[in-house]
Structure formats: structure tokens, C-alpha cells
Amino acid sequence: MSKSLSLFFAVASVALMLATAFSLSHNGWLALLFGLLTLAMIGTGFVVKSRLRK
């Protein structure tokens, strides 16, 4: 995986983690949504990495 693509996944995942942390104090459902989006982004990064490795 190129450095720019891995940087994108890292920054996007951290941004979603921050959104999850901030939304915990406001709305639990929104925090759950951001948590699931965070897991999906991290999983997508692993899938892209394995497909590019082949």
C-alpha cells in the first residue's frame, strides 16, 4: 500500500474515533454510528492492503 493511501486511512480512522468520542456526551446513537463507521474504515483499510499485496 502506498504511503499516501495508508495516511488517508489512518487520518480518516482517527477523525472518526474523535467524532465518536465527542458524540458520546451528546447522543449515544450517534456515538454508536460513528463507532461502526470507525470499524468499517479500519476493516476497509485491511481489505485494501491485502488486495493490493496480491
PDB file of N, CA and C in Angstrom:
ATOM      1  N   MET A   1       0.845  -1.161   0.000  1.00  0.00           N
ATOM      2  CA  MET A   1       0.000   0.000   0.000  1.00  0.00           C
ATOM      3  C   MET A   1       0.899   1.237   0.000  1.00  0.00           C
ATOM      4  N   SER A   2       0.513   2.214  -0.783  1.00  0.00           N
ATOM      5  CA  SER A   2       1.328   3.426  -0.854  1.00  0.00           C
ATOM      6  C   SER A   2       1.216   4.223   0.447  1.00  0.00           C
ATOM      7  N   LYS A   3       2.182   5.073   0.658  1.00  0.00           N
ATOM      8  CA  LYS A   3       2.194   5.852   1.893  1.00  0.00           C
ATOM      9  C   LYS A   3       1.023   6.825   1.963  1.00  0.00           C
ATOM     10  N   SER A   4       0.660   7.388   0.830  1.00  0.00           N
ATOM     11  CA  SER A   4      -0.452   8.342   0.845  1.00  0.00           C
ATOM     12  C   SER A   4      -1.786   7.649   1.139  1.00  0.00           C
ATOM     13  N   LEU A   5      -1.962   6.445   0.618  1.00  0.00           N
ATOM     14  CA  LEU A   5      -3.195   5.705   0.883  1.00  0.00           C
ATOM     15  C   LEU A   5      -3.267   5.261   2.337  1.00  0.00           C
ATOM     16  N   SER A   6      -2.159   4.810   2.879  1.00  0.00           N
ATOM     17  CA  SER A   6      -2.163   4.414   4.290  1.00  0.00           C
ATOM     18  C   SER A   6      -2.346   5.634   5.198  1.00  0.00           C
ATOM     19  N   LEU A   7      -1.801   6.787   4.801  1.00  0.00           N
ATOM     20  CA  LEU A   7      -2.014   8.014   5.566  1.00  0.00           C
ATOM     21  C   LEU A   7      -3.488   8.414   5.547  1.00  0.00           C
ATOM     22  N   PHE A   8      -4.139   8.252   4.397  1.00  0.00           N
ATOM     23  CA  PHE A   8      -5.562   8.560   4.303  1.00  0.00           C
ATOM     24  C   PHE A   8      -6.371   7.706   5.264  1.00  0.00           C
ATOM     25  N   PHE A   9      -6.124   6.392   5.275  1.00  0.00           N
ATOM     26  CA  PHE A   9      -6.881   5.506   6.159  1.00  0.00           C
ATOM     27  C   PHE A   9      -6.587   5.817   7.626  1.00  0.00           C
ATOM     28  N   ALA A  10      -5.357   6.155   7.946  1.00  0.00           N
ATOM     29  CA  ALA A  10      -5.008   6.478   9.332  1.00  0.00           C
ATOM     30  C   ALA A  10      -5.699   7.761   9.784  1.00  0.00           C
ATOM     31  N   VAL A  11      -5.647   8.796   8.960  1.00  0.00           N
ATOM     32  CA  VAL A  11      -6.247  10.076   9.331  1.00  0.00           C
ATOM     33  C   VAL A  11      -7.768   9.958   9.402  1.00  0.00           C
ATOM     34  N   ALA A  12      -8.364   9.253   8.445  1.00  0.00           N
ATOM     35  CA  ALA A  12      -9.822   9.081   8.459  1.00  0.00           C
ATOM     36  C   ALA A  12     -10.264   8.284   9.676  1.00  0.00           C
ATOM     37  N   SER A  13      -9.517   7.259  10.044  1.00  0.00           N
ATOM     38  CA  SER A  13      -9.871   6.459  11.216  1.00  0.00           C
ATOM     39  C   SER A  13      -9.759   7.272  12.498  1.00  0.00           C
ATOM     40  N   VAL A  14      -8.717   8.067  12.617  1.00  0.00           N
ATOM     41  CA  VAL A  14      -8.553   8.900  13.813  1.00  0.00           C
ATOM     42  C   VAL A  14      -9.647   9.962  13.865  1.00  0.00           C
ATOM     43  N   ALA A  15     -10.008  10.531  12.740  1.00  0.00           N
ATOM     44  CA  ALA A  15     -11.084  11.524  12.716  1.00  0.00           C
ATOM     45  C   ALA A  15     -12.411  10.902  13.155  1.00  0.00           C
ATOM     46  N   LEU A  16     -12.673   9.682  12.696  1.00  0.00           N
ATOM     47  CA  LEU A  16     -13.898   9.008  13.119  1.00  0.00           C
ATOM     48  C   LEU A  16     -13.857   8.637  14.598  1.00  0.00           C
ATOM     49  N   MET A  17     -12.681   8.277  15.104  1.00  0.00           N
ATOM     50  CA  MET A  17     -12.558   7.992  16.540  1.00  0.00           C
ATOM     51  C   MET A  17     -12.808   9.254  17.365  1.00  0.00           C
ATOM     52  N   LEU A  18     -12.304  10.385  16.898  1.00  0.00           N
ATOM     53  CA  LEU A  18     -12.553  11.649  17.591  1.00  0.00           C
ATOM     54  C   LEU A  18     -14.036  12.019  17.548  1.00  0.00           C
ATOM     55  N   ALA A  19     -14.671  11.792  16.411  1.00  0.00           N
ATOM     56  CA  ALA A  19     -16.106  12.063  16.303  1.00  0.00           C
ATOM     57  C   ALA A  19     -16.892  11.162  17.256  1.00  0.00           C
ATOM     58  N   THR A  20     -16.462   9.922  17.414  1.00  0.00           N
ATOM     59  CA  THR A  20     -17.111   9.015  18.361  1.00  0.00           C
ATOM     60  C   THR A  20     -16.953   9.533  19.784  1.00  0.00           C
ATOM     61  N   ALA A  21     -15.766   9.974  20.125  1.00  0.00           N
ATOM     62  CA  ALA A  21     -15.516  10.467  21.482  1.00  0.00           C
ATOM     63  C   ALA A  21     -16.329  11.726  21.770  1.00  0.00           C
ATOM     64  N   PHE A  22     -16.398  12.642  20.827  1.00  0.00           N
ATOM     65  CA  PHE A  22     -17.153  13.872  21.050  1.00  0.00           C
ATOM     66  C   PHE A  22     -18.653  13.618  21.115  1.00  0.00           C
ATOM     67  N   SER A  23     -19.134  12.671  20.324  1.00  0.00           N
ATOM     68  CA  SER A  23     -20.571  12.427  20.291  1.00  0.00           C
ATOM     69  C   SER A  23     -21.048  11.608  21.488  1.00  0.00           C
ATOM     70  N   LEU A  24     -20.141  11.023  22.255  1.00  0.00           N
ATOM     71  CA  LEU A  24     -20.543  10.269  23.446  1.00  0.00           C
ATOM     72  C   LEU A  24     -21.273  11.158  24.450  1.00  0.00           C
ATOM     73  N   SER A  25     -20.872  12.394  24.559  1.00  0.00           N
ATOM     74  CA  SER A  25     -21.504  13.278  25.532  1.00  0.00           C
ATOM     75  C   SER A  25     -22.822  13.860  25.027  1.00  0.00           C
ATOM     76  N   HIS A  26     -23.075  13.769  23.735  1.00  0.00           N
ATOM     77  CA  HIS A  26     -24.285  14.371  23.178  1.00  0.00           C
ATOM     78  C   HIS A  26     -25.370  13.350  22.868  1.00  0.00           C
ATOM     79  N   ASN A  27     -25.007  12.294  22.160  1.00  0.00           N
ATOM     80  CA  ASN A  27     -26.020  11.355  21.697  1.00  0.00           C
ATOM     81  C   ASN A  27     -25.399   9.962  21.598  1.00  0.00           C
ATOM     82  N   GLY A  28     -25.980   9.024  22.315  1.00  0.00           N
ATOM     83  CA  GLY A  28     -25.451   7.657  22.317  1.00  0.00           C
ATOM     84  C   GLY A  28     -25.594   6.965  20.978  1.00  0.00           C
ATOM     85  N   TRP A  29     -26.706   7.212  20.291  1.00  0.00           N
ATOM     86  CA  TRP A  29     -26.919   6.566  18.986  1.00  0.00           C
ATOM     87  C   TRP A  29     -25.930   7.083  17.952  1.00  0.00           C
ATOM     88  N   LEU A  30     -25.646   8.362  18.022  1.00  0.00           N
ATOM     89  CA  LEU A  30     -24.670   8.941  17.098  1.00  0.00           C
ATOM     90  C   LEU A  30     -23.275   8.391  17.385  1.00  0.00           C
ATOM     91  N   ALA A  31     -22.976   8.189  18.651  1.00  0.00           N
ATOM     92  CA  ALA A  31     -21.690   7.596  19.019  1.00  0.00           C
ATOM     93  C   ALA A  31     -21.594   6.167  18.496  1.00  0.00           C
ATOM     94  N   LEU A  32     -22.689   5.432  18.586  1.00  0.00           N
ATOM     95  CA  LEU A  32     -22.707   4.069  18.055  1.00  0.00           C
ATOM     96  C   LEU A  32     -22.494   4.067  16.538  1.00  0.00           C
ATOM     97  N   LEU A  33     -23.126   4.997  15.854  1.00  0.00           N
ATOM     98  CA  LEU A  33     -22.964   5.104  14.400  1.00  0.00           C
ATOM     99  C   LEU A  33     -21.510   5.414  14.043  1.00  0.00           C
ATOM    100  N   PHE A  34     -20.909   6.381  14.732  1.00  0.00           N
ATOM    101  CA  PHE A  34     -19.517   6.715  14.454  1.00  0.00           C
ATOM    102  C   PHE A  34     -18.584   5.560  14.809  1.00  0.00           C
ATOM    103  N   GLY A  35     -18.913   4.817  15.853  1.00  0.00           N
ATOM    104  CA  GLY A  35     -18.103   3.649  16.210  1.00  0.00           C
ATOM    105  C   GLY A  35     -18.137   2.586  15.134  1.00  0.00           C
ATOM    106  N   LEU A  36     -19.319   2.348  14.586  1.00  0.00           N
ATOM    107  CA  LEU A  36     -19.426   1.365  13.497  1.00  0.00           C
ATOM    108  C   LEU A  36     -18.714   1.847  12.236  1.00  0.00           C
ATOM    109  N   LEU A  37     -18.820   3.142  11.963  1.00  0.00           N
ATOM    110  CA  LEU A  37     -18.106   3.692  10.805  1.00  0.00           C
ATOM    111  C   LEU A  37     -16.586   3.595  10.991  1.00  0.00           C
ATOM    112  N   THR A  38     -16.132   3.765  12.219  1.00  0.00           N
ATOM    113  CA  THR A  38     -14.706   3.630  12.509  1.00  0.00           C
ATOM    114  C   THR A  38     -14.234   2.209  12.236  1.00  0.00           C
ATOM    115  N   LEU A  39     -14.997   1.237  12.735  1.00  0.00           N
ATOM    116  CA  LEU A  39     -14.636  -0.167  12.490  1.00  0.00           C
ATOM    117  C   LEU A  39     -14.669  -0.505  11.001  1.00  0.00           C
ATOM    118  N   ALA A  40     -15.646   0.054  10.288  1.00  0.00           N
ATOM    119  CA  ALA A  40     -15.731  -0.194   8.847  1.00  0.00           C
ATOM    120  C   ALA A  40     -14.532   0.413   8.115  1.00  0.00           C
ATOM    121  N   MET A  41     -14.107   1.600   8.523  1.00  0.00           N
ATOM    122  CA  MET A  41     -12.958   2.247   7.874  1.00  0.00           C
ATOM    123  C   MET A  41     -11.677   1.454   8.128  1.00  0.00           C
ATOM    124  N   ILE A  42     -11.492   0.989   9.362  1.00  0.00           N
ATOM    125  CA  ILE A  42     -10.297   0.206   9.686  1.00  0.00           C
ATOM    126  C   ILE A  42     -10.318  -1.111   8.918  1.00  0.00           C
ATOM    127  N   GLY A  43     -11.472  -1.760   8.868  1.00  0.00           N
ATOM    128  CA  GLY A  43     -11.605  -3.012   8.113  1.00  0.00           C
ATOM    129  C   GLY A  43     -11.365  -2.812   6.629  1.00  0.00           C
ATOM    130  N   THR A  44     -11.868  -1.711   6.091  1.00  0.00           N
ATOM    131  CA  THR A  44     -11.648  -1.413   4.678  1.00  0.00           C
ATOM    132  C   THR A  44     -10.167  -1.211   4.391  1.00  0.00           C
ATOM    133  N   GLY A  45      -9.471  -0.591   5.313  1.00  0.00           N
ATOM    134  CA  GLY A  45      -8.025  -0.403   5.145  1.00  0.00           C
ATOM    135  C   GLY A  45      -7.296  -1.733   5.070  1.00  0.00           C
ATOM    136  N   PHE A  46      -7.688  -2.684   5.936  1.00  0.00           N
ATOM    137  CA  PHE A  46      -7.060  -4.004   5.888  1.00  0.00           C
ATOM    138  C   PHE A  46      -7.399  -4.743   4.597  1.00  0.00           C
ATOM    139  N   VAL A  47      -8.628  -4.607   4.114  1.00  0.00           N
ATOM    140  CA  VAL A  47      -9.030  -5.269   2.865  1.00  0.00           C
ATOM    141  C   VAL A  47      -8.252  -4.703   1.690  1.00  0.00           C
ATOM    142  N   VAL A  48      -8.140  -3.381   1.627  1.00  0.00           N
ATOM    143  CA  VAL A  48      -7.392  -2.739   0.534  1.00  0.00           C
ATOM    144  C   VAL A  48      -5.931  -3.160   0.578  1.00  0.00           C
ATOM    145  N   LYS A  49      -5.363  -3.220   1.768  1.00  0.00           N
ATOM    146  CA  LYS A  49      -3.969  -3.619   1.905  1.00  0.00           C
ATOM    147  C   LYS A  49      -3.744  -5.039   1.416  1.00  0.00           C
ATOM    148  N   SER A  50      -4.658  -5.949   1.762  1.00  0.00           N
ATOM    149  CA  SER A  50      -4.470  -7.350   1.337  1.00  0.00           C
ATOM    150  C   SER A  50      -4.694  -7.507  -0.164  1.00  0.00           C
ATOM    151  N   ARG A  51      -5.628  -6.745  -0.732  1.00  0.00           N
ATOM    152  CA  ARG A  51      -5.859  -6.858  -2.176  1.00  0.00           C
ATOM    153  C   ARG A  51      -4.724  -6.250  -2.990  1.00  0.00           C
ATOM    154  N   LEU A  52      -4.119  -5.196  -2.481  1.00  0.00           N
ATOM    155  CA  LEU A  52      -3.005  -4.590  -3.196  1.00  0.00           C
ATOM    156  C   LEU A  52      -1.733  -5.428  -3.066  1.00  0.00           C
ATOM    157  N   ARG A  53      -1.669  -6.233  -2.034  1.00  0.00           N
ATOM    158  CA  ARG A  53      -0.487  -7.070  -1.817  1.00  0.00           C
ATOM    159  C   ARG A  53      -0.437  -8.225  -2.826  1.00  0.00           C
ATOM    160  N   LYS A  54      -1.588  -8.671  -3.282  1.00  0.00           N
ATOM    161  CA  LYS A  54      -1.641  -9.825  -4.220  1.00  0.00           C
ATOM    162  C   LYS A  54      -1.124  -9.479  -5.592  1.00  0.00           C
TER     163      LYS A  54
END
